Protein backbone atom coordinates (compact mmCIF):
# COMPACT_ATOMS: atom_id res chain seq x y z
CA MET A 1 123.70 114.29 133.29
CA LEU A 2 124.03 111.58 135.53
CA PRO A 3 127.74 111.00 136.29
CA GLY A 4 129.37 108.36 134.05
CA HIS A 5 126.30 108.32 131.38
CA ARG A 6 127.06 110.46 128.12
CA PRO A 7 124.14 111.83 126.94
CA GLU A 8 122.74 109.95 123.27
CA ALA A 9 124.25 111.35 119.99
CA PRO A 10 121.39 112.72 117.69
CA LYS A 11 120.44 109.72 115.30
CA LYS A 12 121.12 110.29 111.45
CA GLU A 13 118.04 110.38 109.55
CA GLU A 14 117.68 108.07 106.78
CA PRO A 15 117.75 109.62 103.51
CA LYS A 16 114.26 109.38 101.71
CA ASP A 17 114.36 107.27 98.14
CA SER A 18 113.53 110.81 96.30
CA GLU A 19 116.86 111.92 97.79
CA THR A 20 120.26 111.54 95.93
CA ALA A 21 123.77 111.33 96.67
CA ASN A 22 126.92 112.18 94.29
CA MET A 23 129.35 109.22 94.32
CA THR A 24 133.17 109.72 92.72
CA VAL A 25 134.12 105.86 91.81
CA SER A 26 137.69 104.79 89.73
CA MET A 27 137.21 101.81 87.34
CA PRO A 28 138.27 100.25 83.96
CA ALA A 29 138.23 102.91 81.45
CA ALA A 30 136.80 100.27 78.54
CA LEU A 31 134.22 99.37 80.84
CA ARG A 32 133.23 102.77 81.59
CA ASN A 33 133.44 103.11 77.58
CA ARG A 34 131.33 100.06 77.04
CA ALA A 35 128.83 100.73 79.41
CA ARG A 36 128.57 104.27 78.05
CA ALA A 37 128.20 102.70 74.20
CA ALA A 38 125.69 100.12 75.67
CA TYR A 39 123.96 103.11 77.21
CA LYS A 40 123.53 105.33 74.26
CA ALA A 41 122.47 102.66 71.82
CA THR A 42 119.93 101.49 74.25
CA SER A 43 118.83 103.96 76.36
CA TYR A 44 115.65 104.46 74.76
CA ALA A 45 114.79 100.90 74.44
CA GLU A 46 115.31 100.46 77.79
CA GLY A 47 113.68 104.13 79.09
CA ASP A 48 116.94 105.04 81.02
CA ASN A 49 116.02 108.71 81.40
CA THR A 50 119.41 109.81 82.14
CA TRP A 51 123.27 107.71 82.44
CA SER A 52 122.77 108.25 86.19
CA HIS A 53 119.19 106.48 85.83
CA PHE A 54 121.50 103.59 83.81
CA VAL A 55 124.27 103.64 86.67
CA THR A 56 121.92 103.30 89.37
CA LYS A 57 119.92 100.48 87.74
CA ALA A 58 122.70 98.64 87.58
CA ILE A 59 124.07 99.15 91.39
CA GLU A 60 120.46 98.09 92.40
CA ALA A 61 120.33 95.16 90.21
CA GLU A 62 124.06 93.97 91.17
CA THR A 63 122.67 94.95 95.50
CA ALA A 64 119.47 92.92 94.82
CA ARG A 65 121.65 90.19 93.19
CA ARG A 66 123.92 89.95 96.48
CA GLU A 67 121.00 90.66 98.69
CA ALA A 68 119.48 87.31 97.54
CA GLU A 69 122.12 85.37 97.16
CA HIS A 70 123.59 86.21 100.75
CA ASN A 71 120.93 87.63 102.88
CA GLN A 72 118.09 85.39 102.05
CA GLY A 73 116.81 88.20 100.00
CA GLU A 74 116.56 90.80 102.69
CA MET A 75 118.18 94.15 102.48
CA TYR A 76 121.59 95.22 105.15
CA PRO A 77 120.89 97.59 106.81
CA SER A 78 122.02 101.15 105.51
CA TRP A 79 125.60 102.25 105.50
CA GLY A 80 125.67 105.86 105.48
CA GLU A 81 129.17 105.99 107.02
CA LYS A 82 132.63 106.32 104.73
CA LEU A 83 134.20 103.25 102.90
CA PRO A 84 137.35 102.08 103.63
CA GLY A 85 139.71 103.24 100.75
CA GLY A 86 141.25 100.11 98.09
CA ARG A 87 144.08 99.76 95.99
CA ARG A 88 143.47 101.33 92.62
CA LEU A 89 142.20 98.46 89.79
CA LYS A 90 144.42 97.03 87.33
CA ASP A 91 143.18 97.12 83.75
CA SER A 92 142.79 93.46 82.57
């Protein structure tokens, strides 16, 4: 190694689309219950295989909306790092 040079950190590989990752979030109980009721009532008609599939579709729709609204429809660079914690949500 040359003086004054640091070795490059190994690059993390991007997860493949088929890979899954667990996610834990907090949300108002009333919203969770409303979403669960909508899932249970419509999962067959909407083709949702599982609760996770329903939640994934919802997050994907909001992500696409924000990309269209704020980034000319382009995907933002992948963010694999931990997000900063936030304040607890108030029930409103």
